[in-house]
Amino acid sequence: MKTLEFKTQSFSSIKQFSKDVLTNKQLQVNLSAQCVDPDFLPLGKLVDKLSKVLTANQVDTVIIPNEAISSRYIHEILTLLTELKVKITFEKQLNKAEASKIPLSILRRIEN
């Protein structure tokens, strides 16, 4: 199984996160950036492609930078990852302030 790491700017929106996953150079099977323009693809299509690319590459874990917790879209992205059955870990152990920003239902699924 594979683990993907991301930069904080990947969490600026759900579409940006999806694009960064789909074009990630760590993957053996990925899409070119021209195929994944988030301005022209509906979110549902991006999520479908995201699911297929994660499955094809056998990605089971995503490592998220702790700074991404302050992102406006972190809840939606974490929910999406848990629905896709991807394990979530953070670069460093979450402190109490960071953990309090994450819903308890998702926090229980995070591995650290």
PDB file of N, CA and C in Angstrom:
ATOM      1  N   MET A   1       0.832  -1.173   0.000  1.00  0.00           N
ATOM      2  CA  MET A   1       0.000   0.000   0.000  1.00  0.00           C
ATOM      3  C   MET A   1       0.881   1.243   0.000  1.00  0.00           C
ATOM      4  N   LYS A   2       0.299   2.343  -0.428  1.00  0.00           N
ATOM      5  CA  LYS A   2       1.053   3.561  -0.634  1.00  0.00           C
ATOM      6  C   LYS A   2       0.577   4.690   0.277  1.00  0.00           C
ATOM      7  N   THR A   3       1.494   5.605   0.555  1.00  0.00           N
ATOM      8  CA  THR A   3       1.195   6.779   1.363  1.00  0.00           C
ATOM      9  C   THR A   3       1.505   8.029   0.550  1.00  0.00           C
ATOM     10  N   LEU A   4       0.598   9.002   0.584  1.00  0.00           N
ATOM     11  CA  LEU A   4       0.807  10.264  -0.117  1.00  0.00           C
ATOM     12  C   LEU A   4       0.995  11.387   0.894  1.00  0.00           C
ATOM     13  N   GLU A   5       1.908  12.297   0.574  1.00  0.00           N
ATOM     14  CA  GLU A   5       2.125  13.478   1.401  1.00  0.00           C
ATOM     15  C   GLU A   5       1.733  14.706   0.589  1.00  0.00           C
ATOM     16  N   PHE A   6       1.218  15.716   1.284  1.00  0.00           N
ATOM     17  CA  PHE A   6       0.764  16.922   0.605  1.00  0.00           C
ATOM     18  C   PHE A   6       1.328  18.171   1.256  1.00  0.00           C
ATOM     19  N   LYS A   7       1.277  19.280   0.497  1.00  0.00           N
ATOM     20  CA  LYS A   7       1.655  20.582   1.012  1.00  0.00           C
ATOM     21  C   LYS A   7       0.398  21.283   1.517  1.00  0.00           C
ATOM     22  N   THR A   8       0.577  22.269   2.335  1.00  0.00           N
ATOM     23  CA  THR A   8      -0.545  22.999   2.923  1.00  0.00           C
ATOM     24  C   THR A   8      -1.441  23.622   1.856  1.00  0.00           C
ATOM     25  N   GLN A   9      -0.864  24.139   0.772  1.00  0.00           N
ATOM     26  CA  GLN A   9      -1.670  24.801  -0.251  1.00  0.00           C
ATOM     27  C   GLN A   9      -2.619  23.844  -0.972  1.00  0.00           C
ATOM     28  N   SER A  10      -2.410  22.547  -0.865  1.00  0.00           N
ATOM     29  CA  SER A  10      -3.323  21.574  -1.464  1.00  0.00           C
ATOM     30  C   SER A  10      -4.699  21.611  -0.810  1.00  0.00           C
ATOM     31  N   PHE A  11      -4.789  22.189   0.369  1.00  0.00           N
ATOM     32  CA  PHE A  11      -6.035  22.202   1.125  1.00  0.00           C
ATOM     33  C   PHE A  11      -6.794  23.523   1.002  1.00  0.00           C
ATOM     34  N   SER A  12      -6.449  24.326  -0.005  1.00  0.00           N
ATOM     35  CA  SER A  12      -7.129  25.607  -0.193  1.00  0.00           C
ATOM     36  C   SER A  12      -8.567  25.442  -0.680  1.00  0.00           C
ATOM     37  N   SER A  13      -8.865  24.314  -1.334  1.00  0.00           N
ATOM     38  CA  SER A  13     -10.239  23.994  -1.739  1.00  0.00           C
ATOM     39  C   SER A  13     -10.326  22.495  -2.022  1.00  0.00           C
ATOM     40  N   ILE A  14     -11.536  21.989  -2.102  1.00  0.00           N
ATOM     41  CA  ILE A  14     -11.713  20.565  -2.405  1.00  0.00           C
ATOM     42  C   ILE A  14     -11.228  20.273  -3.813  1.00  0.00           C
ATOM     43  N   LYS A  15     -11.525  21.177  -4.739  1.00  0.00           N
ATOM     44  CA  LYS A  15     -11.093  20.975  -6.125  1.00  0.00           C
ATOM     45  C   LYS A  15      -9.570  20.999  -6.239  1.00  0.00           C
ATOM     46  N   GLN A  16      -8.915  21.902  -5.500  1.00  0.00           N
ATOM     47  CA  GLN A  16      -7.451  21.953  -5.530  1.00  0.00           C
ATOM     48  C   GLN A  16      -6.862  20.674  -4.945  1.00  0.00           C
ATOM     49  N   PHE A  17      -7.442  20.193  -3.861  1.00  0.00           N
ATOM     50  CA  PHE A  17      -6.969  18.948  -3.261  1.00  0.00           C
ATOM     51  C   PHE A  17      -7.111  17.791  -4.254  1.00  0.00           C
ATOM     52  N   SER A  18      -8.267  17.704  -4.894  1.00  0.00           N
ATOM     53  CA  SER A  18      -8.504  16.638  -5.877  1.00  0.00           C
ATOM     54  C   SER A  18      -7.498  16.716  -7.016  1.00  0.00           C
ATOM     55  N   LYS A  19      -7.267  17.934  -7.512  1.00  0.00           N
ATOM     56  CA  LYS A  19      -6.303  18.113  -8.603  1.00  0.00           C
ATOM     57  C   LYS A  19      -4.904  17.686  -8.163  1.00  0.00           C
ATOM     58  N   ASP A  20      -4.513  18.059  -6.953  1.00  0.00           N
ATOM     59  CA  ASP A  20      -3.182  17.701  -6.460  1.00  0.00           C
ATOM     60  C   ASP A  20      -3.026  16.191  -6.281  1.00  0.00           C
ATOM     61  N   VAL A  21      -4.103  15.513  -5.893  1.00  0.00           N
ATOM     62  CA  VAL A  21      -4.044  14.055  -5.788  1.00  0.00           C
ATOM     63  C   VAL A  21      -3.913  13.451  -7.176  1.00  0.00           C
ATOM     64  N   LEU A  22      -4.763  13.891  -8.098  1.00  0.00           N
ATOM     65  CA  LEU A  22      -4.803  13.292  -9.436  1.00  0.00           C
ATOM     66  C   LEU A  22      -3.524  13.511 -10.230  1.00  0.00           C
ATOM     67  N   THR A  23      -2.821  14.596  -9.974  1.00  0.00           N
ATOM     68  CA  THR A  23      -1.596  14.891 -10.730  1.00  0.00           C
ATOM     69  C   THR A  23      -0.332  14.620  -9.913  1.00  0.00           C
ATOM     70  N   ASN A  24      -0.474  13.972  -8.768  1.00  0.00           N
ATOM     71  CA  ASN A  24       0.640  13.731  -7.854  1.00  0.00           C
ATOM     72  C   ASN A  24       1.735  12.885  -8.506  1.00  0.00           C
ATOM     73  N   LYS A  25       2.950  13.370  -8.429  1.00  0.00           N
ATOM     74  CA  LYS A  25       4.095  12.673  -9.044  1.00  0.00           C
ATOM     75  C   LYS A  25       4.517  11.429  -8.260  1.00  0.00           C
ATOM     76  N   GLN A  26       4.012  11.267  -7.024  1.00  0.00           N
ATOM     77  CA  GLN A  26       4.340  10.091  -6.226  1.00  0.00           C
ATOM     78  C   GLN A  26       3.602   8.847  -6.723  1.00  0.00           C
ATOM     79  N   LEU A  27       2.599   9.055  -7.576  1.00  0.00           N
ATOM     80  CA  LEU A  27       1.762   7.949  -8.039  1.00  0.00           C
ATOM     81  C   LEU A  27       2.286   7.368  -9.341  1.00  0.00           C
ATOM     82  N   GLN A  28       2.098   6.075  -9.513  1.00  0.00           N
ATOM     83  CA  GLN A  28       2.462   5.431 -10.773  1.00  0.00           C
ATOM     84  C   GLN A  28       1.423   5.738 -11.845  1.00  0.00           C
ATOM     85  N   VAL A  29       0.160   5.752 -11.452  1.00  0.00           N
ATOM     86  CA  VAL A  29      -0.928   6.079 -12.367  1.00  0.00           C
ATOM     87  C   VAL A  29      -1.480   7.425 -11.933  1.00  0.00           C
ATOM     88  N   ASN A  30      -1.294   8.452 -12.763  1.00  0.00           N
ATOM     89  CA  ASN A  30      -1.849   9.760 -12.468  1.00  0.00           C
ATOM     90  C   ASN A  30      -2.355  10.388 -13.755  1.00  0.00           C
ATOM     91  N   LEU A  31      -2.954  11.540 -13.662  1.00  0.00           N
ATOM     92  CA  LEU A  31      -3.490  12.236 -14.824  1.00  0.00           C
ATOM     93  C   LEU A  31      -2.666  13.484 -15.079  1.00  0.00           C
ATOM     94  N   SER A  32      -2.610  13.903 -16.338  1.00  0.00           N
ATOM     95  CA  SER A  32      -1.894  15.143 -16.630  1.00  0.00           C
ATOM     96  C   SER A  32      -2.742  16.322 -16.160  1.00  0.00           C
ATOM     97  N   ALA A  33      -2.091  17.420 -15.883  1.00  0.00           N
ATOM     98  CA  ALA A  33      -2.790  18.595 -15.356  1.00  0.00           C
ATOM     99  C   ALA A  33      -3.848  19.098 -16.327  1.00  0.00           C
ATOM    100  N   GLN A  34      -3.646  18.910 -17.627  1.00  0.00           N
ATOM    101  CA  GLN A  34      -4.612  19.369 -18.618  1.00  0.00           C
ATOM    102  C   GLN A  34      -5.928  18.598 -18.524  1.00  0.00           C
ATOM    103  N   CYS A  35      -5.873  17.358 -18.058  1.00  0.00           N
ATOM    104  CA  CYS A  35      -7.080  16.530 -17.938  1.00  0.00           C
ATOM    105  C   CYS A  35      -7.888  16.855 -16.690  1.00  0.00           C
ATOM    106  N   VAL A  36      -7.322  17.625 -15.789  1.00  0.00           N
ATOM    107  CA  VAL A  36      -7.939  17.818 -14.483  1.00  0.00           C
ATOM    108  C   VAL A  36      -8.094  19.307 -14.166  1.00  0.00           C
ATOM    109  N   ASP A  37      -8.668  20.063 -15.055  1.00  0.00           N
ATOM    110  CA  ASP A  37      -8.883  21.480 -14.781  1.00  0.00           C
ATOM    111  C   ASP A  37     -10.112  21.613 -13.889  1.00  0.00           C
ATOM    112  N   PRO A  38      -9.920  21.958 -12.610  1.00  0.00           N
ATOM    113  CA  PRO A  38     -11.045  21.992 -11.669  1.00  0.00           C
ATOM    114  C   PRO A  38     -12.101  23.038 -12.022  1.00  0.00           C
ATOM    115  N   ASP A  39     -11.756  24.005 -12.878  1.00  0.00           N
ATOM    116  CA  ASP A  39     -12.738  25.017 -13.255  1.00  0.00           C
ATOM    117  C   ASP A  39     -13.763  24.471 -14.241  1.00  0.00           C
ATOM    118  N   PHE A  40     -13.417  23.388 -14.943  1.00  0.00           N
ATOM    119  CA  PHE A  40     -14.316  22.852 -15.961  1.00  0.00           C
ATOM    120  C   PHE A  40     -14.925  21.501 -15.599  1.00  0.00           C
ATOM    121  N   LEU A  41     -14.392  20.850 -14.587  1.00  0.00           N
ATOM    122  CA  LEU A  41     -14.945  19.560 -14.165  1.00  0.00           C
ATOM    123  C   LEU A  41     -15.828  19.749 -12.944  1.00  0.00           C
ATOM    124  N   PRO A  42     -17.021  19.189 -12.960  1.00  0.00           N
ATOM    125  CA  PRO A  42     -17.846  19.272 -11.753  1.00  0.00           C
ATOM    126  C   PRO A  42     -17.214  18.471 -10.615  1.00  0.00           C
ATOM    127  N   LEU A  43     -17.531  18.852  -9.401  1.00  0.00           N
ATOM    128  CA  LEU A  43     -16.940  18.218  -8.220  1.00  0.00           C
ATOM    129  C   LEU A  43     -17.187  16.715  -8.207  1.00  0.00           C
ATOM    130  N   GLY A  44     -18.361  16.278  -8.598  1.00  0.00           N
ATOM    131  CA  GLY A  44     -18.681  14.848  -8.630  1.00  0.00           C
ATOM    132  C   GLY A  44     -17.736  14.061  -9.522  1.00  0.00           C
ATOM    133  N   LYS A  45     -17.406  14.622 -10.685  1.00  0.00           N
ATOM    134  CA  LYS A  45     -16.466  13.957 -11.611  1.00  0.00           C
ATOM    135  C   LYS A  45     -15.073  13.898 -11.003  1.00  0.00           C
ATOM    136  N   LEU A  46     -14.659  14.993 -10.353  1.00  0.00           N
ATOM    137  CA  LEU A  46     -13.338  15.009  -9.718  1.00  0.00           C
ATOM    138  C   LEU A  46     -13.243  13.941  -8.630  1.00  0.00           C
ATOM    139  N   VAL A  47     -14.288  13.829  -7.822  1.00  0.00           N
ATOM    140  CA  VAL A  47     -14.294  12.836  -6.744  1.00  0.00           C
ATOM    141  C   VAL A  47     -14.259  11.427  -7.326  1.00  0.00           C
ATOM    142  N   ASP A  48     -14.984  11.204  -8.415  1.00  0.00           N
ATOM    143  CA  ASP A  48     -14.978   9.893  -9.070  1.00  0.00           C
ATOM    144  C   ASP A  48     -13.577   9.557  -9.590  1.00  0.00           C
ATOM    145  N   LYS A  49     -12.936  10.510 -10.245  1.00  0.00           N
ATOM    146  CA  LYS A  49     -11.569  10.294 -10.731  1.00  0.00           C
ATOM    147  C   LYS A  49     -10.608  10.075  -9.569  1.00  0.00           C
ATOM    148  N   LEU A  50     -10.795  10.845  -8.507  1.00  0.00           N
ATOM    149  CA  LEU A  50      -9.969  10.720  -7.305  1.00  0.00           C
ATOM    150  C   LEU A  50     -10.057   9.307  -6.743  1.00  0.00           C
ATOM    151  N   SER A  51     -11.260   8.794  -6.631  1.00  0.00           N
ATOM    152  CA  SER A  51     -11.473   7.445  -6.114  1.00  0.00           C
ATOM    153  C   SER A  51     -10.772   6.408  -6.987  1.00  0.00           C
ATOM    154  N   LYS A  52     -10.892   6.552  -8.288  1.00  0.00           N
ATOM    155  CA  LYS A  52     -10.274   5.598  -9.218  1.00  0.00           C
ATOM    156  C   LYS A  52      -8.752   5.644  -9.158  1.00  0.00           C
ATOM    157  N   VAL A  53      -8.180   6.844  -9.087  1.00  0.00           N
ATOM    158  CA  VAL A  53      -6.717   6.976  -9.042  1.00  0.00           C
ATOM    159  C   VAL A  53      -6.176   6.425  -7.723  1.00  0.00           C
ATOM    160  N   LEU A  54      -6.846   6.703  -6.617  1.00  0.00           N
ATOM    161  CA  LEU A  54      -6.400   6.172  -5.323  1.00  0.00           C
ATOM    162  C   LEU A  54      -6.467   4.648  -5.309  1.00  0.00           C
ATOM    163  N   THR A  55      -7.517   4.092  -5.888  1.00  0.00           N
ATOM    164  CA  THR A  55      -7.663   2.634  -5.949  1.00  0.00           C
ATOM    165  C   THR A  55      -6.607   2.021  -6.862  1.00  0.00           C
ATOM    166  N   ALA A  56      -6.408   2.613  -8.034  1.00  0.00           N
ATOM    167  CA  ALA A  56      -5.435   2.073  -8.999  1.00  0.00           C
ATOM    168  C   ALA A  56      -4.018   2.081  -8.436  1.00  0.00           C
ATOM    169  N   ASN A  57      -3.712   3.076  -7.619  1.00  0.00           N
ATOM    170  CA  ASN A  57      -2.375   3.190  -7.031  1.00  0.00           C
ATOM    171  C   ASN A  57      -2.264   2.539  -5.660  1.00  0.00           C
ATOM    172  N   GLN A  58      -3.357   1.952  -5.188  1.00  0.00           N
ATOM    173  CA  GLN A  58      -3.401   1.295  -3.886  1.00  0.00           C
ATOM    174  C   GLN A  58      -2.956   2.236  -2.757  1.00  0.00           C
ATOM    175  N   VAL A  59      -3.449   3.469  -2.825  1.00  0.00           N
ATOM    176  CA  VAL A  59      -3.154   4.445  -1.774  1.00  0.00           C
ATOM    177  C   VAL A  59      -4.052   4.150  -0.587  1.00  0.00           C
ATOM    178  N   ASP A  60      -3.449   3.949   0.564  1.00  0.00           N
ATOM    179  CA  ASP A  60      -4.254   3.663   1.749  1.00  0.00           C
ATOM    180  C   ASP A  60      -4.102   4.722   2.832  1.00  0.00           C
ATOM    181  N   THR A  61      -3.090   5.604   2.714  1.00  0.00           N
ATOM    182  CA  THR A  61      -2.833   6.595   3.744  1.00  0.00           C
ATOM    183  C   THR A  61      -2.474   7.944   3.126  1.00  0.00           C
ATOM    184  N   VAL A  62      -2.975   9.011   3.742  1.00  0.00           N
ATOM    185  CA  VAL A  62      -2.635  10.368   3.338  1.00  0.00           C
ATOM    186  C   VAL A  62      -2.045  11.072   4.552  1.00  0.00           C
ATOM    187  N   ILE A  63      -0.890  11.704   4.354  1.00  0.00           N
ATOM    188  CA  ILE A  63      -0.252  12.470   5.426  1.00  0.00           C
ATOM    189  C   ILE A  63      -0.534  13.944   5.167  1.00  0.00           C
ATOM    190  N   ILE A  64      -1.131  14.579   6.160  1.00  0.00           N
ATOM    191  CA  ILE A  64      -1.561  15.964   6.039  1.00  0.00           C
ATOM    192  C   ILE A  64      -0.684  16.844   6.926  1.00  0.00           C
ATOM    193  N   PRO A  65      -0.212  17.984   6.394  1.00  0.00           N
ATOM    194  CA  PRO A  65       0.552  18.899   7.250  1.00  0.00           C
ATOM    195  C   PRO A  65      -0.356  19.518   8.308  1.00  0.00           C
ATOM    196  N   ASN A  66       0.146  19.692   9.498  1.00  0.00           N
ATOM    197  CA  ASN A  66      -0.652  20.248  10.597  1.00  0.00           C
ATOM    198  C   ASN A  66      -1.175  21.648  10.279  1.00  0.00           C
ATOM    199  N   GLU A  67      -0.445  22.413   9.494  1.00  0.00           N
ATOM    200  CA  GLU A  67      -0.872  23.765   9.142  1.00  0.00           C
ATOM    201  C   GLU A  67      -2.172  23.751   8.335  1.00  0.00           C
ATOM    202  N   ALA A  68      -2.485  22.653   7.688  1.00  0.00           N
ATOM    203  CA  ALA A  68      -3.691  22.556   6.860  1.00  0.00           C
ATOM    204  C   ALA A  68      -4.970  22.553   7.696  1.00  0.00           C
ATOM    205  N   ILE A  69      -4.849  22.331   8.992  1.00  0.00           N
ATOM    206  CA  ILE A  69      -6.028  22.301   9.858  1.00  0.00           C
ATOM    207  C   ILE A  69      -6.745  23.649   9.840  1.00  0.00           C
ATOM    208  N   SER A  70      -6.019  24.716   9.616  1.00  0.00           N
ATOM    209  CA  SER A  70      -6.649  26.041   9.583  1.00  0.00           C
ATOM    210  C   SER A  70      -7.347  26.327   8.249  1.00  0.00           C
ATOM    211  N   SER A  71      -7.245  25.413   7.302  1.00  0.00           N
ATOM    212  CA  SER A  71      -7.909  25.584   6.009  1.00  0.00           C
ATOM    213  C   SER A  71      -9.418  25.596   6.177  1.00  0.00           C
ATOM    214  N   ARG A  72     -10.061  26.407   5.392  1.00  0.00           N
ATOM    215  CA  ARG A  72     -11.522  26.517   5.422  1.00  0.00           C
ATOM    216  C   ARG A  72     -12.192  25.206   5.004  1.00  0.00           C
ATOM    217  N   TYR A  73     -11.521  24.412   4.186  1.00  0.00           N
ATOM    218  CA  TYR A  73     -12.117  23.204   3.610  1.00  0.00           C
ATOM    219  C   TYR A  73     -11.640  21.907   4.248  1.00  0.00           C
ATOM    220  N   ILE A  74     -10.924  21.992   5.346  1.00  0.00           N
ATOM    221  CA  ILE A  74     -10.347  20.781   5.941  1.00  0.00           C
ATOM    222  C   ILE A  74     -11.417  19.765   6.333  1.00  0.00           C
ATOM    223  N   HIS A  75     -12.552  20.207   6.849  1.00  0.00           N
ATOM    224  CA  HIS A  75     -13.603  19.263   7.257  1.00  0.00           C
ATOM    225  C   HIS A  75     -14.122  18.473   6.062  1.00  0.00           C
ATOM    226  N   GLU A  76     -14.376  19.173   4.954  1.00  0.00           N
ATOM    227  CA  GLU A  76     -14.886  18.507   3.760  1.00  0.00           C
ATOM    228  C   GLU A  76     -13.865  17.528   3.184  1.00  0.00           C
ATOM    229  N   ILE A  77     -12.604  17.927   3.188  1.00  0.00           N
ATOM    230  CA  ILE A  77     -11.556  17.056   2.641  1.00  0.00           C
ATOM    231  C   ILE A  77     -11.368  15.823   3.522  1.00  0.00           C
ATOM    232  N   LEU A  78     -11.357  16.011   4.829  1.00  0.00           N
ATOM    233  CA  LEU A  78     -11.225  14.870   5.742  1.00  0.00           C
ATOM    234  C   LEU A  78     -12.424  13.933   5.611  1.00  0.00           C
ATOM    235  N   THR A  79     -13.610  14.493   5.472  1.00  0.00           N
ATOM    236  CA  THR A  79     -14.805  13.674   5.285  1.00  0.00           C
ATOM    237  C   THR A  79     -14.706  12.881   3.989  1.00  0.00           C
ATOM    238  N   LEU A  80     -14.273  13.537   2.931  1.00  0.00           N
ATOM    239  CA  LEU A  80     -14.104  12.866   1.645  1.00  0.00           C
ATOM    240  C   LEU A  80     -13.124  11.702   1.757  1.00  0.00           C
ATOM    241  N   LEU A  81     -12.002  11.936   2.414  1.00  0.00           N
ATOM    242  CA  LEU A  81     -10.996  10.878   2.571  1.00  0.00           C
ATOM    243  C   LEU A  81     -11.531   9.713   3.392  1.00  0.00           C
ATOM    244  N   THR A  82     -12.279  10.002   4.446  1.00  0.00           N
ATOM    245  CA  THR A  82     -12.820   8.908   5.259  1.00  0.00           C
ATOM    246  C   THR A  82     -13.876   8.126   4.478  1.00  0.00           C
ATOM    247  N   GLU A  83     -14.665   8.813   3.650  1.00  0.00           N
ATOM    248  CA  GLU A  83     -15.653   8.114   2.821  1.00  0.00           C
ATOM    249  C   GLU A  83     -14.986   7.233   1.771  1.00  0.00           C
ATOM    250  N   LEU A  84     -13.797   7.643   1.324  1.00  0.00           N
ATOM    251  CA  LEU A  84     -13.034   6.845   0.359  1.00  0.00           C
ATOM    252  C   LEU A  84     -12.198   5.766   1.054  1.00  0.00           C
ATOM    253  N   LYS A  85     -12.365   5.666   2.381  1.00  0.00           N
ATOM    254  CA  LYS A  85     -11.671   4.670   3.205  1.00  0.00           C
ATOM    255  C   LYS A  85     -10.148   4.798   3.143  1.00  0.00           C
ATOM    256  N   VAL A  86      -9.688   6.043   3.156  1.00  0.00           N
ATOM    257  CA  VAL A  86      -8.253   6.345   3.181  1.00  0.00           C
ATOM    258  C   VAL A  86      -7.900   6.740   4.610  1.00  0.00           C
ATOM    259  N   LYS A  87      -6.825   6.165   5.139  1.00  0.00           N
ATOM    260  CA  LYS A  87      -6.379   6.515   6.481  1.00  0.00           C
ATOM    261  C   LYS A  87      -5.777   7.911   6.462  1.00  0.00           C
ATOM    262  N   ILE A  88      -6.013   8.646   7.523  1.00  0.00           N
ATOM    263  CA  ILE A  88      -5.521  10.013   7.631  1.00  0.00           C
ATOM    264  C   ILE A  88      -4.518  10.080   8.775  1.00  0.00           C
ATOM    265  N   THR A  89      -3.366  10.642   8.482  1.00  0.00           N
ATOM    266  CA  THR A  89      -2.381  10.911   9.535  1.00  0.00           C
ATOM    267  C   THR A  89      -1.890  12.344   9.355  1.00  0.00           C
ATOM    268  N   PHE A  90      -1.373  12.919  10.419  1.00  0.00           N
ATOM    269  CA  PHE A  90      -0.802  14.257  10.352  1.00  0.00           C
ATOM    270  C   PHE A  90       0.702  14.146  10.529  1.00  0.00           C
ATOM    271  N   GLU A  91       1.422  15.140  10.019  1.00  0.00           N
ATOM    272  CA  GLU A  91       2.882  15.120  10.098  1.00  0.00           C
ATOM    273  C   GLU A  91       3.353  14.992  11.540  1.00  0.00           C
ATOM    274  N   LYS A  92       2.706  15.754  12.428  1.00  0.00           N
ATOM    275  CA  LYS A  92       3.061  15.721  13.844  1.00  0.00           C
ATOM    276  C   LYS A  92       1.807  15.405  14.648  1.00  0.00           C
ATOM    277  N   GLN A  93       2.007  14.948  15.856  1.00  0.00           N
ATOM    278  CA  GLN A  93       0.885  14.678  16.758  1.00  0.00           C
ATOM    279  C   GLN A  93       0.069  15.957  16.924  1.00  0.00           C
ATOM    280  N   LEU A  94      -1.252  15.851  16.833  1.00  0.00           N
ATOM    281  CA  LEU A  94      -2.128  17.009  16.992  1.00  0.00           C
ATOM    282  C   LEU A  94      -2.123  17.492  18.438  1.00  0.00           C
ATOM    283  N   ASN A  95      -2.024  18.805  18.618  1.00  0.00           N
ATOM    284  CA  ASN A  95      -2.166  19.339  19.968  1.00  0.00           C
ATOM    285  C   ASN A  95      -3.658  19.565  20.236  1.00  0.00           C
ATOM    286  N   LYS A  96      -4.006  19.968  21.438  1.00  0.00           N
ATOM    287  CA  LYS A  96      -5.422  20.107  21.811  1.00  0.00           C
ATOM    288  C   LYS A  96      -6.137  21.148  20.963  1.00  0.00           C
ATOM    289  N   ALA A  97      -5.478  22.244  20.671  1.00  0.00           N
ATOM    290  CA  ALA A  97      -6.104  23.310  19.871  1.00  0.00           C
ATOM    291  C   ALA A  97      -6.392  22.817  18.446  1.00  0.00           C
ATOM    292  N   GLU A  98      -5.457  22.087  17.868  1.00  0.00           N
ATOM    293  CA  GLU A  98      -5.664  21.557  16.513  1.00  0.00           C
ATOM    294  C   GLU A  98      -6.759  20.495  16.516  1.00  0.00           C
ATOM    295  N   ALA A  99      -6.712  19.623  17.489  1.00  0.00           N
ATOM    296  CA  ALA A  99      -7.696  18.540  17.568  1.00  0.00           C
ATOM    297  C   ALA A  99      -9.104  19.079  17.769  1.00  0.00           C
ATOM    298  N   SER A 100      -9.227  20.201  18.450  1.00  0.00           N
ATOM    299  CA  SER A 100     -10.555  20.764  18.708  1.00  0.00           C
ATOM    300  C   SER A 100     -11.211  21.320  17.445  1.00  0.00           C
ATOM    301  N   LYS A 101     -10.438  21.542  16.387  1.00  0.00           N
ATOM    302  CA  LYS A 101     -10.978  22.060  15.126  1.00  0.00           C
ATOM    303  C   LYS A 101     -11.523  20.954  14.218  1.00  0.00           C
ATOM    304  N   ILE A 102     -11.311  19.709  14.606  1.00  0.00           N
ATOM    305  CA  ILE A 102     -11.730  18.568  13.783  1.00  0.00           C
ATOM    306  C   ILE A 102     -12.925  17.900  14.456  1.00  0.00           C
ATOM    307  N   PRO A 103     -13.976  17.615  13.689  1.00  0.00           N
ATOM    308  CA  PRO A 103     -15.132  16.928  14.285  1.00  0.00           C
ATOM    309  C   PRO A 103     -14.715  15.595  14.910  1.00  0.00           C
ATOM    310  N   LEU A 104     -15.338  15.259  16.021  1.00  0.00           N
ATOM    311  CA  LEU A 104     -14.994  14.050  16.764  1.00  0.00           C
ATOM    312  C   LEU A 104     -15.162  12.789  15.917  1.00  0.00           C
ATOM    313  N   SER A 105     -16.181  12.761  15.065  1.00  0.00           N
ATOM    314  CA  SER A 105     -16.407  11.578  14.222  1.00  0.00           C
ATOM    315  C   SER A 105     -15.222  11.316  13.291  1.00  0.00           C
ATOM    316  N   ILE A 106     -14.572  12.382  12.841  1.00  0.00           N
ATOM    317  CA  ILE A 106     -13.388  12.231  11.974  1.00  0.00           C
ATOM    318  C   ILE A 106     -12.149  12.024  12.823  1.00  0.00           C
ATOM    319  N   LEU A 107     -12.069  12.718  13.934  1.00  0.00           N
ATOM    320  CA  LEU A 107     -10.904  12.612  14.810  1.00  0.00           C
ATOM    321  C   LEU A 107     -10.669  11.177  15.261  1.00  0.00           C
ATOM    322  N   ARG A 108     -11.743  10.425  15.465  1.00  0.00           N
ATOM    323  CA  ARG A 108     -11.618   9.032  15.880  1.00  0.00           C
ATOM    324  C   ARG A 108     -10.978   8.154  14.813  1.00  0.00           C
ATOM    325  N   ARG A 109     -11.074   8.581  13.570  1.00  0.00           N
ATOM    326  CA  ARG A 109     -10.535   7.782  12.461  1.00  0.00           C
ATOM    327  C   ARG A 109      -9.106   8.157  12.083  1.00  0.00           C
ATOM    328  N   ILE A 110      -8.593   9.210  12.700  1.00  0.00           N
ATOM    329  CA  ILE A 110      -7.240   9.674  12.378  1.00  0.00           C
ATOM    330  C   ILE A 110      -6.229   8.838  13.136  1.00  0.00           C
ATOM    331  N   GLU A 111      -5.186   8.439  12.419  1.00  0.00           N
ATOM    332  CA  GLU A 111      -4.135   7.629  13.031  1.00  0.00           C
ATOM    333  C   GLU A 111      -2.924   8.504  13.285  1.00  0.00           C
ATOM    334  N   ASN A 112      -2.413   8.445  14.480  1.00  0.00           N
ATOM    335  CA  ASN A 112      -1.186   9.174  14.827  1.00  0.00           C
ATOM    336  C   ASN A 112      -0.416   8.412  15.866  1.00  0.00           C
TER     337      ASN A 112
END
